[in-house]
Amino acid sequence: MKKEVQALIKHRRARFVPAILAGMAGLTLVAGLLLVINFFTRGPGQALLHTPTPTPTLTFTPAPPTPLPTDTSTPAPPTDTPGPSPTPTPVTYTVNSGDTFFGIAQQYSVDLCELMAFNQITDPALVSIGTVITIPVGGVELPTPTPLPTEIVNQRGARIQYIVQCGDTLQSIAAKFNSTAEDIAQRNKITDPNTINPGQVLEVRINIATPTPAPTATRSP
């Protein structure tokens, strides 16, 4: 009897061992599946299941260039185009202490004779301090003798006032107006015909002398 019981127990053990092993194997399999699922869903294996989404790259698109404003201003005239020459303007000068006419003429690079004629000064030594004179610089033209009025141009013995110019002599003045050097000297009380000065005002009688015709050149036969 005892042997039968032991045999029965062994038989039952032999029947349960495979079941227990199968159960343990099943538990092991389930645990392995859980670990695999956990690995791919929550663990590092998650990155293997999901295709990485590419990070969007920012592409810089340059903005279209802003058109420059069109220059509508009127172009300036060429600078190399010569314009009208400015009108020469004489310079005024006040005579100071120690000044001489010769020194003033040198200072402004003008001819002493022209400086005297322009200011109608016959004796520079008599010009006093404070006198304002005009200096013909920059191409200023010297005053020219006033032409004779038409009503006396042919009158004999008509009297005119003449301002001595640079280079004038009694003879040259007499020749201009059909006068004589002797008559001009007598009327203006000139004792030395070489003492007339630019700017000096002379009284001249016109048409009192017959003009001498210039000699005509003759051809040799």
N, C-alpha and C. Protein backbone atom coordinates (compact mmCIF):
# COMPACT_ATOMS: atom_id res chain seq x y z
N MET A 1 0.83 -1.20 0.00
CA MET A 1 0.00 0.00 0.00
C MET A 1 0.85 1.24 0.00
N LYS A 2 1.79 1.24 0.77
CA LYS A 2 2.70 2.38 0.87
C LYS A 2 3.41 2.59 -0.43
N LYS A 3 3.76 1.57 -1.08
CA LYS A 3 4.45 1.67 -2.34
C LYS A 3 3.53 2.22 -3.40
N GLU A 4 2.27 1.84 -3.33
CA GLU A 4 1.33 2.35 -4.33
C GLU A 4 1.13 3.85 -4.18
N VAL A 5 1.05 4.20 -2.88
CA VAL A 5 0.87 5.66 -2.64
C VAL A 5 2.09 6.42 -3.15
N GLN A 6 3.24 5.94 -2.88
CA GLN A 6 4.44 6.63 -3.34
C GLN A 6 4.49 6.67 -4.87
N ALA A 7 4.06 5.56 -5.46
CA ALA A 7 4.06 5.53 -6.92
C ALA A 7 3.08 6.52 -7.49
N LEU A 8 1.93 6.65 -6.79
CA LEU A 8 0.92 7.61 -7.26
C LEU A 8 1.44 9.02 -7.16
N ILE A 9 2.13 9.22 -6.03
CA ILE A 9 2.67 10.59 -5.86
C ILE A 9 3.70 10.89 -6.94
N LYS A 10 4.56 9.94 -7.23
CA LYS A 10 5.57 10.13 -8.27
C LYS A 10 4.90 10.34 -9.60
N HIS A 11 3.81 9.60 -9.82
CA HIS A 11 3.13 9.76 -11.11
C HIS A 11 2.54 11.15 -11.26
N ARG A 12 1.97 11.61 -10.16
CA ARG A 12 1.38 12.96 -10.22
C ARG A 12 2.47 14.03 -10.39
N ARG A 13 3.58 13.82 -9.69
CA ARG A 13 4.68 14.79 -9.83
C ARG A 13 5.18 14.80 -11.29
N ALA A 14 5.22 13.60 -11.83
CA ALA A 14 5.71 13.54 -13.20
C ALA A 14 4.76 14.25 -14.15
N ARG A 15 3.49 14.27 -13.81
CA ARG A 15 2.50 14.95 -14.67
C ARG A 15 2.59 16.46 -14.47
N PHE A 16 2.84 16.98 -13.27
CA PHE A 16 2.83 18.42 -13.00
C PHE A 16 4.14 19.11 -13.41
N VAL A 17 5.23 18.33 -13.47
CA VAL A 17 6.51 18.96 -13.78
C VAL A 17 6.48 19.61 -15.17
N PRO A 18 5.98 18.87 -16.18
CA PRO A 18 5.94 19.55 -17.50
C PRO A 18 5.05 20.77 -17.50
N ALA A 19 3.92 20.65 -16.75
CA ALA A 19 3.02 21.81 -16.71
C ALA A 19 3.68 23.00 -16.06
N ILE A 20 4.42 22.64 -14.95
CA ILE A 20 5.10 23.76 -14.27
C ILE A 20 6.17 24.37 -15.17
N LEU A 21 6.90 23.49 -15.86
CA LEU A 21 7.94 24.00 -16.76
C LEU A 21 7.34 24.81 -17.90
N ALA A 22 6.18 24.26 -18.37
CA ALA A 22 5.54 25.02 -19.44
C ALA A 22 5.07 26.37 -18.96
N GLY A 23 4.55 26.39 -17.74
CA GLY A 23 4.10 27.69 -17.20
C GLY A 23 5.23 28.65 -17.01
N MET A 24 6.36 28.09 -16.50
CA MET A 24 7.51 28.97 -16.29
C MET A 24 8.03 29.49 -17.63
N ALA A 25 8.00 28.58 -18.63
CA ALA A 25 8.45 29.02 -19.94
C ALA A 25 7.54 30.09 -20.50
N GLY A 26 6.21 29.88 -20.24
CA GLY A 26 5.27 30.90 -20.73
C GLY A 26 5.49 32.22 -20.05
N LEU A 27 5.72 32.16 -18.70
CA LEU A 27 5.97 33.42 -17.97
C LEU A 27 7.23 34.10 -18.48
N THR A 28 8.23 33.22 -18.74
CA THR A 28 9.49 33.80 -19.25
C THR A 28 9.27 34.47 -20.61
N LEU A 29 8.46 33.78 -21.44
CA LEU A 29 8.18 34.35 -22.76
C LEU A 29 7.42 35.65 -22.66
N VAL A 30 6.42 35.65 -21.77
CA VAL A 30 5.63 36.89 -21.59
C VAL A 30 6.52 38.02 -21.09
N ALA A 31 7.39 37.66 -20.09
CA ALA A 31 8.28 38.69 -19.54
C ALA A 31 9.20 39.21 -20.62
N GLY A 32 9.69 38.27 -21.48
CA GLY A 32 10.58 38.72 -22.57
C GLY A 32 9.85 39.62 -23.53
N LEU A 33 8.57 39.24 -23.85
CA LEU A 33 7.80 40.10 -24.76
C LEU A 33 7.57 41.49 -24.17
N LEU A 34 7.26 41.47 -22.85
CA LEU A 34 7.06 42.77 -22.19
C LEU A 34 8.33 43.63 -22.25
N LEU A 35 9.47 42.95 -22.03
CA LEU A 35 10.72 43.71 -22.08
C LEU A 35 10.98 44.26 -23.49
N VAL A 36 10.66 43.39 -24.50
CA VAL A 36 10.88 43.85 -25.88
C VAL A 36 9.96 45.02 -26.22
N ILE A 37 8.65 44.84 -25.79
CA ILE A 37 7.70 45.94 -26.06
C ILE A 37 8.13 47.20 -25.36
N ASN A 38 8.55 47.06 -24.11
CA ASN A 38 8.99 48.23 -23.35
C ASN A 38 10.23 48.87 -23.98
N PHE A 39 11.11 48.01 -24.55
CA PHE A 39 12.33 48.52 -25.18
C PHE A 39 12.03 49.38 -26.41
N PHE A 40 11.02 48.88 -27.18
CA PHE A 40 10.70 49.60 -28.41
C PHE A 40 9.72 50.75 -28.23
N THR A 41 8.98 50.73 -27.11
CA THR A 41 7.98 51.79 -26.91
C THR A 41 8.46 52.88 -25.98
N ARG A 42 9.21 52.52 -24.96
CA ARG A 42 9.65 53.51 -23.98
C ARG A 42 11.16 53.61 -23.85
N GLY A 43 11.84 52.59 -24.27
CA GLY A 43 13.28 52.58 -24.11
C GLY A 43 14.01 53.10 -25.33
N PRO A 44 15.28 52.76 -25.41
CA PRO A 44 16.10 53.24 -26.54
C PRO A 44 15.63 52.74 -27.89
N GLY A 45 14.92 51.58 -27.89
CA GLY A 45 14.46 51.05 -29.16
C GLY A 45 13.38 51.85 -29.82
N GLN A 46 12.84 52.86 -29.06
CA GLN A 46 11.78 53.69 -29.64
C GLN A 46 12.28 54.45 -30.86
N ALA A 47 13.56 54.82 -30.81
CA ALA A 47 14.12 55.57 -31.96
C ALA A 47 14.20 54.71 -33.19
N LEU A 48 14.27 53.33 -33.00
CA LEU A 48 14.35 52.45 -34.16
C LEU A 48 13.02 52.28 -34.85
N LEU A 49 11.93 52.45 -34.11
CA LEU A 49 10.60 52.26 -34.69
C LEU A 49 10.11 53.50 -35.42
N HIS A 50 10.56 54.67 -34.98
CA HIS A 50 10.08 55.93 -35.56
C HIS A 50 11.13 56.49 -36.52
N THR A 51 10.70 56.77 -37.71
CA THR A 51 11.59 57.40 -38.69
C THR A 51 11.84 58.84 -38.28
N PRO A 52 13.08 59.18 -38.09
CA PRO A 52 13.34 60.54 -37.62
C PRO A 52 12.82 61.59 -38.61
N THR A 53 12.07 62.53 -38.04
CA THR A 53 11.54 63.62 -38.86
C THR A 53 12.65 64.62 -39.13
N PRO A 54 12.91 64.86 -40.39
CA PRO A 54 14.02 65.79 -40.68
C PRO A 54 13.72 67.18 -40.14
N THR A 55 14.73 67.74 -39.53
CA THR A 55 14.58 69.11 -39.01
C THR A 55 14.50 70.08 -40.17
N PRO A 56 13.47 70.90 -40.18
CA PRO A 56 13.35 71.84 -41.31
C PRO A 56 14.51 72.82 -41.33
N THR A 57 15.07 72.97 -42.50
CA THR A 57 16.19 73.91 -42.67
C THR A 57 15.65 75.23 -43.20
N LEU A 58 16.03 76.30 -42.49
CA LEU A 58 15.59 77.63 -42.92
C LEU A 58 16.40 78.07 -44.13
N THR A 59 15.72 78.27 -45.22
CA THR A 59 16.37 78.74 -46.45
C THR A 59 16.13 80.23 -46.59
N PHE A 60 17.24 81.00 -46.66
CA PHE A 60 17.13 82.46 -46.76
C PHE A 60 16.89 82.87 -48.21
N THR A 61 15.76 83.46 -48.43
CA THR A 61 15.43 83.96 -49.78
C THR A 61 15.66 85.46 -49.80
N PRO A 62 16.64 85.94 -50.55
CA PRO A 62 16.90 87.39 -50.55
C PRO A 62 15.72 88.17 -51.12
N ALA A 63 15.46 89.28 -50.47
CA ALA A 63 14.37 90.15 -50.94
C ALA A 63 14.76 90.79 -52.26
N PRO A 64 13.81 91.08 -53.11
CA PRO A 64 14.14 91.74 -54.38
C PRO A 64 14.75 93.10 -54.13
N PRO A 65 15.76 93.48 -54.90
CA PRO A 65 16.42 94.78 -54.66
C PRO A 65 15.46 95.94 -54.85
N THR A 66 15.59 96.88 -53.93
CA THR A 66 14.75 98.09 -54.01
C THR A 66 15.29 98.99 -55.11
N PRO A 67 14.47 99.36 -56.09
CA PRO A 67 14.99 100.22 -57.17
C PRO A 67 15.41 101.57 -56.64
N LEU A 68 16.56 102.01 -57.09
CA LEU A 68 17.06 103.31 -56.68
C LEU A 68 16.23 104.42 -57.30
N PRO A 69 16.05 105.54 -56.55
CA PRO A 69 15.26 106.64 -57.12
C PRO A 69 15.97 107.25 -58.33
N THR A 70 15.21 107.53 -59.34
CA THR A 70 15.76 108.12 -60.56
C THR A 70 16.06 109.59 -60.33
N ASP A 71 17.26 109.98 -60.69
CA ASP A 71 17.66 111.38 -60.52
C ASP A 71 17.00 112.21 -61.61
N THR A 72 16.05 113.05 -61.18
CA THR A 72 15.33 113.91 -62.14
C THR A 72 15.84 115.34 -62.13
N SER A 73 16.93 115.58 -61.35
CA SER A 73 17.43 116.95 -61.30
C SER A 73 18.04 117.35 -62.62
N THR A 74 18.01 118.62 -62.88
CA THR A 74 18.57 119.15 -64.13
C THR A 74 20.08 119.15 -64.03
N PRO A 75 20.77 118.51 -64.99
CA PRO A 75 22.24 118.46 -64.90
C PRO A 75 22.83 119.85 -64.97
N ALA A 76 23.88 120.03 -64.16
CA ALA A 76 24.54 121.33 -64.15
C ALA A 76 25.27 121.55 -65.46
N PRO A 77 25.37 122.78 -65.90
CA PRO A 77 26.09 123.04 -67.15
C PRO A 77 27.56 122.71 -67.00
N PRO A 78 28.21 122.33 -68.07
CA PRO A 78 29.64 121.99 -67.99
C PRO A 78 30.44 123.15 -67.44
N THR A 79 31.34 122.79 -66.52
CA THR A 79 32.13 123.83 -65.88
C THR A 79 33.20 124.41 -66.79
N ASP A 80 33.50 123.66 -67.89
CA ASP A 80 34.55 124.15 -68.76
C ASP A 80 34.03 125.11 -69.83
N THR A 81 32.72 125.39 -69.80
CA THR A 81 32.17 126.33 -70.78
C THR A 81 32.50 127.75 -70.32
N PRO A 82 33.26 128.46 -71.08
CA PRO A 82 33.61 129.82 -70.64
C PRO A 82 32.39 130.72 -70.64
N GLY A 83 32.20 131.41 -69.52
CA GLY A 83 31.09 132.35 -69.41
C GLY A 83 31.54 133.74 -69.79
N PRO A 84 30.63 134.68 -69.71
CA PRO A 84 31.01 136.06 -70.05
C PRO A 84 32.04 136.59 -69.07
N SER A 85 33.00 137.29 -69.58
CA SER A 85 34.04 137.85 -68.72
C SER A 85 33.46 138.94 -67.84
N PRO A 86 33.83 138.93 -66.55
CA PRO A 86 33.30 139.97 -65.67
C PRO A 86 33.81 141.34 -66.08
N THR A 87 32.98 142.35 -65.86
CA THR A 87 33.35 143.72 -66.18
C THR A 87 34.43 144.19 -65.23
N PRO A 88 35.57 144.66 -65.75
CA PRO A 88 36.64 145.13 -64.87
C PRO A 88 36.15 146.26 -63.98
N THR A 89 36.54 146.20 -62.72
CA THR A 89 36.13 147.22 -61.76
C THR A 89 37.38 147.89 -61.21
N PRO A 90 37.50 149.20 -61.34
CA PRO A 90 38.68 149.87 -60.80
C PRO A 90 38.68 149.84 -59.28
N VAL A 91 39.85 150.03 -58.71
CA VAL A 91 40.03 150.00 -57.26
C VAL A 91 40.20 151.43 -56.76
N THR A 92 39.54 151.73 -55.66
CA THR A 92 39.72 153.04 -55.05
C THR A 92 40.75 152.93 -53.93
N TYR A 93 41.55 153.98 -53.80
CA TYR A 93 42.63 153.97 -52.81
C TYR A 93 42.70 155.35 -52.16
N THR A 94 42.87 155.35 -50.85
CA THR A 94 43.01 156.60 -50.10
C THR A 94 44.48 156.84 -49.81
N VAL A 95 44.97 157.99 -50.23
CA VAL A 95 46.39 158.32 -50.05
C VAL A 95 46.69 158.45 -48.56
N ASN A 96 47.72 157.74 -48.11
CA ASN A 96 48.15 157.78 -46.71
C ASN A 96 49.45 158.54 -46.56
N SER A 97 49.82 158.76 -45.33
CA SER A 97 51.07 159.47 -45.05
C SER A 97 52.24 158.63 -45.55
N GLY A 98 53.13 159.27 -46.27
CA GLY A 98 54.30 158.57 -46.81
C GLY A 98 54.09 157.99 -48.19
N ASP A 99 52.86 158.05 -48.71
CA ASP A 99 52.59 157.51 -50.06
C ASP A 99 53.15 158.43 -51.12
N THR A 100 53.57 157.85 -52.20
CA THR A 100 53.92 158.59 -53.41
C THR A 100 53.16 157.96 -54.57
N PHE A 101 52.93 158.77 -55.61
CA PHE A 101 52.22 158.24 -56.77
C PHE A 101 53.03 157.13 -57.43
N PHE A 102 54.32 157.31 -57.43
CA PHE A 102 55.17 156.28 -58.03
C PHE A 102 55.07 154.97 -57.24
N GLY A 103 55.07 155.07 -55.90
CA GLY A 103 54.95 153.88 -55.07
C GLY A 103 53.60 153.20 -55.21
N ILE A 104 52.52 154.02 -55.32
CA ILE A 104 51.19 153.45 -55.51
C ILE A 104 51.10 152.73 -56.85
N ALA A 105 51.67 153.34 -57.88
CA ALA A 105 51.65 152.71 -59.20
C ALA A 105 52.40 151.39 -59.19
N GLN A 106 53.55 151.34 -58.48
CA GLN A 106 54.30 150.09 -58.38
C GLN A 106 53.53 149.04 -57.58
N GLN A 107 52.86 149.48 -56.52
CA GLN A 107 52.13 148.55 -55.66
C GLN A 107 51.04 147.82 -56.44
N TYR A 108 50.37 148.54 -57.36
CA TYR A 108 49.26 147.94 -58.12
C TYR A 108 49.67 147.58 -59.55
N SER A 109 50.96 147.68 -59.85
CA SER A 109 51.49 147.29 -61.17
C SER A 109 50.76 148.01 -62.30
N VAL A 110 50.61 149.33 -62.15
CA VAL A 110 50.02 150.14 -63.21
C VAL A 110 51.04 151.19 -63.63
N ASP A 111 50.82 151.73 -64.82
CA ASP A 111 51.71 152.76 -65.33
C ASP A 111 51.44 154.07 -64.63
N LEU A 112 52.50 154.76 -64.23
CA LEU A 112 52.35 156.02 -63.52
C LEU A 112 51.61 157.04 -64.38
N CYS A 113 51.92 157.06 -65.66
CA CYS A 113 51.25 158.00 -66.56
C CYS A 113 49.75 157.71 -66.62
N GLU A 114 49.40 156.43 -66.72
CA GLU A 114 47.98 156.06 -66.78
C GLU A 114 47.28 156.40 -65.47
N LEU A 115 47.96 156.19 -64.35
CA LEU A 115 47.37 156.52 -63.05
C LEU A 115 47.09 158.01 -62.94
N MET A 116 48.00 158.82 -63.43
CA MET A 116 47.80 160.27 -63.39
C MET A 116 46.66 160.68 -64.33
N ALA A 117 46.63 160.11 -65.54
CA ALA A 117 45.61 160.50 -66.51
C ALA A 117 44.23 160.05 -66.04
N PHE A 118 44.15 158.89 -65.42
CA PHE A 118 42.86 158.37 -64.98
C PHE A 118 42.25 159.26 -63.90
N ASN A 119 43.12 159.87 -63.07
CA ASN A 119 42.65 160.71 -61.97
C ASN A 119 42.79 162.20 -62.26
N GLN A 120 43.22 162.56 -63.51
CA GLN A 120 43.39 163.95 -63.93
C GLN A 120 44.27 164.71 -62.95
N ILE A 121 45.39 164.09 -62.62
CA ILE A 121 46.36 164.68 -61.71
C ILE A 121 47.57 165.10 -62.53
N THR A 122 47.86 166.39 -62.52
CA THR A 122 48.99 166.89 -63.31
C THR A 122 50.28 166.92 -62.50
N ASP A 123 50.18 167.10 -61.20
CA ASP A 123 51.37 167.13 -60.35
C ASP A 123 51.15 166.20 -59.17
N PRO A 124 51.73 165.00 -59.20
CA PRO A 124 51.52 164.05 -58.10
C PRO A 124 52.01 164.57 -56.76
N ALA A 125 52.95 165.49 -56.78
CA ALA A 125 53.48 166.00 -55.52
C ALA A 125 52.46 166.82 -54.76
N LEU A 126 51.43 167.29 -55.46
CA LEU A 126 50.43 168.13 -54.81
C LEU A 126 49.25 167.33 -54.24
N VAL A 127 49.28 166.01 -54.40
CA VAL A 127 48.18 165.19 -53.88
C VAL A 127 48.34 165.08 -52.36
N SER A 128 47.30 165.46 -51.64
CA SER A 128 47.37 165.50 -50.18
C SER A 128 46.89 164.18 -49.57
N ILE A 129 47.25 164.00 -48.31
CA ILE A 129 46.82 162.80 -47.56
C ILE A 129 45.30 162.80 -47.44
N GLY A 130 44.69 161.65 -47.65
CA GLY A 130 43.23 161.51 -47.58
C GLY A 130 42.55 161.61 -48.93
N THR A 131 43.32 161.99 -49.98
CA THR A 131 42.73 162.05 -51.32
C THR A 131 42.41 160.64 -51.80
N VAL A 132 41.20 160.48 -52.32
CA VAL A 132 40.77 159.18 -52.85
C VAL A 132 41.03 159.17 -54.34
N ILE A 133 41.83 158.21 -54.78
CA ILE A 133 42.14 158.08 -56.19
C ILE A 133 41.60 156.75 -56.71
N THR A 134 41.46 156.67 -58.01
CA THR A 134 40.99 155.45 -58.67
C THR A 134 42.15 154.81 -59.40
N ILE A 135 42.34 153.52 -59.18
CA ILE A 135 43.46 152.80 -59.78
C ILE A 135 42.92 151.90 -60.88
N PRO A 136 43.34 152.12 -62.13
CA PRO A 136 42.82 151.32 -63.26
C PRO A 136 43.48 149.94 -63.33
N VAL A 137 42.94 148.99 -62.61
CA VAL A 137 43.49 147.63 -62.61
C VAL A 137 42.48 146.69 -63.27
N GLY A 138 42.95 145.50 -63.64
CA GLY A 138 42.05 144.49 -64.20
C GLY A 138 41.54 144.81 -65.59
N GLY A 139 42.31 145.53 -66.37
CA GLY A 139 41.90 145.81 -67.74
C GLY A 139 40.93 146.97 -67.87
N VAL A 140 40.86 147.84 -66.86
CA VAL A 140 39.98 149.01 -66.96
C VAL A 140 40.52 149.94 -68.03
N GLU A 141 39.64 150.37 -68.93
CA GLU A 141 40.06 151.25 -70.02
C GLU A 141 40.20 152.68 -69.52
N LEU A 142 41.22 153.33 -70.02
CA LEU A 142 41.43 154.74 -69.67
C LEU A 142 40.40 155.60 -70.38
N PRO A 143 40.03 156.71 -69.76
CA PRO A 143 39.07 157.60 -70.42
C PRO A 143 39.64 158.14 -71.72
N THR A 144 38.82 158.14 -72.73
CA THR A 144 39.24 158.65 -74.04
C THR A 144 38.72 160.07 -74.22
N PRO A 145 39.39 160.84 -75.04
CA PRO A 145 38.92 162.22 -75.26
C PRO A 145 37.50 162.23 -75.83
N THR A 146 36.71 163.17 -75.33
CA THR A 146 35.34 163.31 -75.81
C THR A 146 35.36 163.82 -77.25
N PRO A 147 34.65 163.14 -78.16
CA PRO A 147 34.66 163.61 -79.55
C PRO A 147 34.05 165.00 -79.66
N LEU A 148 34.46 165.71 -80.67
CA LEU A 148 33.95 167.07 -80.86
C LEU A 148 32.47 167.04 -81.20
N PRO A 149 31.70 167.96 -80.65
CA PRO A 149 30.28 168.05 -81.04
C PRO A 149 30.18 168.35 -82.53
N THR A 150 29.15 167.82 -83.14
CA THR A 150 29.01 167.98 -84.59
C THR A 150 28.80 169.44 -84.99
N GLU A 151 28.23 170.25 -84.08
CA GLU A 151 27.94 171.64 -84.47
C GLU A 151 29.20 172.50 -84.51
N ILE A 152 30.31 172.04 -83.90
CA ILE A 152 31.52 172.86 -83.93
C ILE A 152 32.68 172.18 -84.63
N VAL A 153 32.43 170.97 -85.13
CA VAL A 153 33.54 170.20 -85.67
C VAL A 153 34.19 170.92 -86.85
N ASN A 154 33.41 171.72 -87.58
CA ASN A 154 33.96 172.44 -88.73
C ASN A 154 34.09 173.94 -88.48
N GLN A 155 33.81 174.37 -87.25
CA GLN A 155 33.93 175.80 -86.96
C GLN A 155 35.40 176.19 -86.78
N ARG A 156 35.72 177.36 -87.27
CA ARG A 156 37.09 177.85 -87.13
C ARG A 156 37.20 178.64 -85.83
N GLY A 157 38.18 178.25 -84.99
CA GLY A 157 38.45 178.98 -83.76
C GLY A 157 37.58 178.56 -82.58
N ALA A 158 36.72 177.52 -82.72
CA ALA A 158 35.92 177.05 -81.58
C ALA A 158 36.85 176.50 -80.50
N ARG A 159 36.45 176.73 -79.27
CA ARG A 159 37.31 176.35 -78.15
C ARG A 159 36.76 175.08 -77.49
N ILE A 160 37.68 174.18 -77.14
CA ILE A 160 37.29 172.95 -76.46
C ILE A 160 38.23 172.73 -75.26
N GLN A 161 37.79 171.90 -74.35
CA GLN A 161 38.62 171.49 -73.22
C GLN A 161 39.15 170.09 -73.51
N TYR A 162 40.45 169.95 -73.42
CA TYR A 162 41.08 168.67 -73.75
C TYR A 162 41.91 168.20 -72.56
N ILE A 163 41.74 166.90 -72.19
CA ILE A 163 42.52 166.31 -71.10
C ILE A 163 43.73 165.61 -71.71
N VAL A 164 44.91 166.02 -71.27
CA VAL A 164 46.15 165.46 -71.78
C VAL A 164 46.20 163.97 -71.45
N GLN A 165 46.49 163.16 -72.47
CA GLN A 165 46.63 161.72 -72.32
C GLN A 165 48.11 161.33 -72.28
N CYS A 166 48.35 160.09 -71.91
CA CYS A 166 49.72 159.60 -71.88
C CYS A 166 50.32 159.65 -73.29
N GLY A 167 51.51 160.20 -73.38
CA GLY A 167 52.19 160.27 -74.66
C GLY A 167 51.86 161.52 -75.47
N ASP A 168 50.94 162.35 -74.96
CA ASP A 168 50.59 163.58 -75.70
C ASP A 168 51.72 164.59 -75.63
N THR A 169 51.82 165.36 -76.70
CA THR A 169 52.68 166.54 -76.74
C THR A 169 51.84 167.68 -77.32
N LEU A 170 52.36 168.89 -77.19
CA LEU A 170 51.62 170.02 -77.77
C LEU A 170 51.49 169.84 -79.27
N GLN A 171 52.51 169.31 -79.91
CA GLN A 171 52.44 169.12 -81.34
C GLN A 171 51.39 168.07 -81.73
N SER A 172 51.33 166.98 -80.98
CA SER A 172 50.35 165.93 -81.32
C SER A 172 48.92 166.41 -81.05
N ILE A 173 48.74 167.20 -79.99
CA ILE A 173 47.41 167.74 -79.71
C ILE A 173 47.00 168.72 -80.80
N ALA A 174 47.91 169.59 -81.22
CA ALA A 174 47.62 170.56 -82.27
C ALA A 174 47.26 169.83 -83.57
N ALA A 175 47.93 168.73 -83.86
CA ALA A 175 47.64 168.01 -85.09
C ALA A 175 46.25 167.37 -85.05
N LYS A 176 45.78 166.97 -83.86
CA LYS A 176 44.45 166.35 -83.76
C LYS A 176 43.34 167.33 -84.12
N PHE A 177 43.54 168.61 -83.77
CA PHE A 177 42.44 169.56 -83.90
C PHE A 177 42.75 170.70 -84.88
N ASN A 178 43.72 170.50 -85.75
CA ASN A 178 44.09 171.54 -86.72
C ASN A 178 44.40 172.86 -86.00
N SER A 179 45.17 172.74 -84.91
CA SER A 179 45.57 173.91 -84.15
C SER A 179 47.09 174.05 -84.25
N THR A 180 47.65 174.90 -83.40
CA THR A 180 49.11 175.06 -83.39
C THR A 180 49.61 174.90 -81.96
N ALA A 181 50.84 174.38 -81.83
CA ALA A 181 51.43 174.22 -80.50
C ALA A 181 51.64 175.57 -79.84
N GLU A 182 51.98 176.57 -80.65
CA GLU A 182 52.21 177.90 -80.09
C GLU A 182 50.93 178.48 -79.50
N ASP A 183 49.81 178.31 -80.22
CA ASP A 183 48.54 178.86 -79.72
C ASP A 183 48.09 178.14 -78.46
N ILE A 184 48.27 176.83 -78.41
CA ILE A 184 47.89 176.07 -77.20
C ILE A 184 48.74 176.50 -76.01
N ALA A 185 50.05 176.66 -76.25
CA ALA A 185 50.94 177.07 -75.16
C ALA A 185 50.60 178.47 -74.68
N GLN A 186 50.31 179.40 -75.62
CA GLN A 186 49.97 180.76 -75.23
C GLN A 186 48.69 180.81 -74.44
N ARG A 187 47.65 180.10 -74.86
CA ARG A 187 46.35 180.16 -74.18
C ARG A 187 46.40 179.48 -72.81
N ASN A 188 47.28 178.55 -72.62
CA ASN A 188 47.35 177.85 -71.34
C ASN A 188 48.56 178.26 -70.52
N LYS A 189 49.24 179.32 -70.96
CA LYS A 189 50.37 179.88 -70.24
C LYS A 189 51.45 178.82 -69.97
N ILE A 190 51.78 178.11 -71.00
CA ILE A 190 52.80 177.06 -70.90
C ILE A 190 54.10 177.66 -71.44
N THR A 191 55.08 177.76 -70.57
CA THR A 191 56.37 178.31 -71.00
C THR A 191 57.29 177.24 -71.56
N ASP A 192 57.15 176.03 -71.06
CA ASP A 192 57.97 174.93 -71.55
C ASP A 192 57.05 173.89 -72.18
N PRO A 193 57.09 173.68 -73.48
CA PRO A 193 56.17 172.74 -74.13
C PRO A 193 56.35 171.29 -73.68
N ASN A 194 57.43 171.02 -72.96
CA ASN A 194 57.68 169.66 -72.49
C ASN A 194 57.17 169.41 -71.07
N THR A 195 56.43 170.39 -70.51
CA THR A 195 55.99 170.25 -69.11
C THR A 195 54.53 169.82 -68.99
N ILE A 196 53.84 169.56 -70.07
CA ILE A 196 52.46 169.11 -69.94
C ILE A 196 52.45 167.68 -69.38
N ASN A 197 51.42 167.42 -68.57
CA ASN A 197 51.33 166.13 -67.88
C ASN A 197 50.00 165.46 -68.15
N PRO A 198 49.97 164.15 -68.10
CA PRO A 198 48.69 163.44 -68.26
C PRO A 198 47.69 163.91 -67.21
N GLY A 199 46.45 164.11 -67.65
CA GLY A 199 45.40 164.58 -66.76
C GLY A 199 45.22 166.08 -66.77
N GLN A 200 46.19 166.78 -67.34
CA GLN A 200 46.10 168.24 -67.40
C GLN A 200 45.02 168.65 -68.41
N VAL A 201 44.23 169.65 -68.04
CA VAL A 201 43.16 170.12 -68.91
C VAL A 201 43.66 171.36 -69.66
N LEU A 202 43.58 171.29 -70.99
CA LEU A 202 44.04 172.39 -71.83
C LEU A 202 42.88 172.96 -72.63
N GLU A 203 42.97 174.26 -72.86
CA GLU A 203 42.01 174.89 -73.77
C GLU A 203 42.65 174.92 -75.16
N VAL A 204 41.90 174.42 -76.13
CA VAL A 204 42.44 174.30 -77.49
C VAL A 204 41.46 174.94 -78.46
N ARG A 205 42.01 175.80 -79.37
CA ARG A 205 41.20 176.35 -80.45
C ARG A 205 41.36 175.43 -81.66
N ILE A 206 40.25 175.06 -82.24
CA ILE A 206 40.29 174.10 -83.34
C ILE A 206 40.16 174.82 -84.68
N ASN A 207 40.68 174.13 -85.70
CA ASN A 207 40.55 174.58 -87.09
C ASN A 207 41.13 175.97 -87.32
N ILE A 208 42.23 176.28 -86.65
CA ILE A 208 42.86 177.58 -86.89
C ILE A 208 44.08 177.43 -87.80
N ALA A 209 44.43 176.22 -88.13
CA ALA A 209 45.57 175.98 -89.01
C ALA A 209 45.12 175.07 -90.14
N THR A 210 45.68 175.31 -91.31
CA THR A 210 45.36 174.47 -92.46
C THR A 210 46.15 173.18 -92.36
N PRO A 211 45.49 172.06 -92.36
CA PRO A 211 46.23 170.79 -92.23
C PRO A 211 47.17 170.61 -93.42
N THR A 212 48.36 170.19 -93.13
CA THR A 212 49.36 169.96 -94.16
C THR A 212 49.15 168.56 -94.75
N PRO A 213 48.88 168.45 -96.05
CA PRO A 213 48.69 167.13 -96.62
C PRO A 213 49.95 166.30 -96.56
N ALA A 214 49.78 165.03 -96.36
CA ALA A 214 50.95 164.15 -96.31
C ALA A 214 51.53 164.01 -97.70
N PRO A 215 52.84 163.90 -97.78
CA PRO A 215 53.48 163.79 -99.12
C PRO A 215 53.06 162.52 -99.79
N THR A 216 52.80 162.62 -101.12
CA THR A 216 52.40 161.46 -101.90
C THR A 216 53.60 160.81 -102.53
N ALA A 217 53.69 159.51 -102.37
CA ALA A 217 54.85 158.83 -102.94
C ALA A 217 54.70 158.75 -104.46
N THR A 218 55.78 159.03 -105.15
CA THR A 218 55.79 158.99 -106.62
C THR A 218 56.62 157.84 -107.10
N ARG A 219 56.19 157.28 -108.21
CA ARG A 219 56.94 156.16 -108.78
C ARG A 219 58.04 156.67 -109.69
N SER A 220 59.11 155.99 -109.68
CA SER A 220 60.21 156.31 -110.60
C SER A 220 59.84 155.84 -111.99
N PRO A 221 60.18 156.64 -113.02
CA PRO A 221 59.85 156.22 -114.39
C PRO A 221 60.60 154.96 -114.77
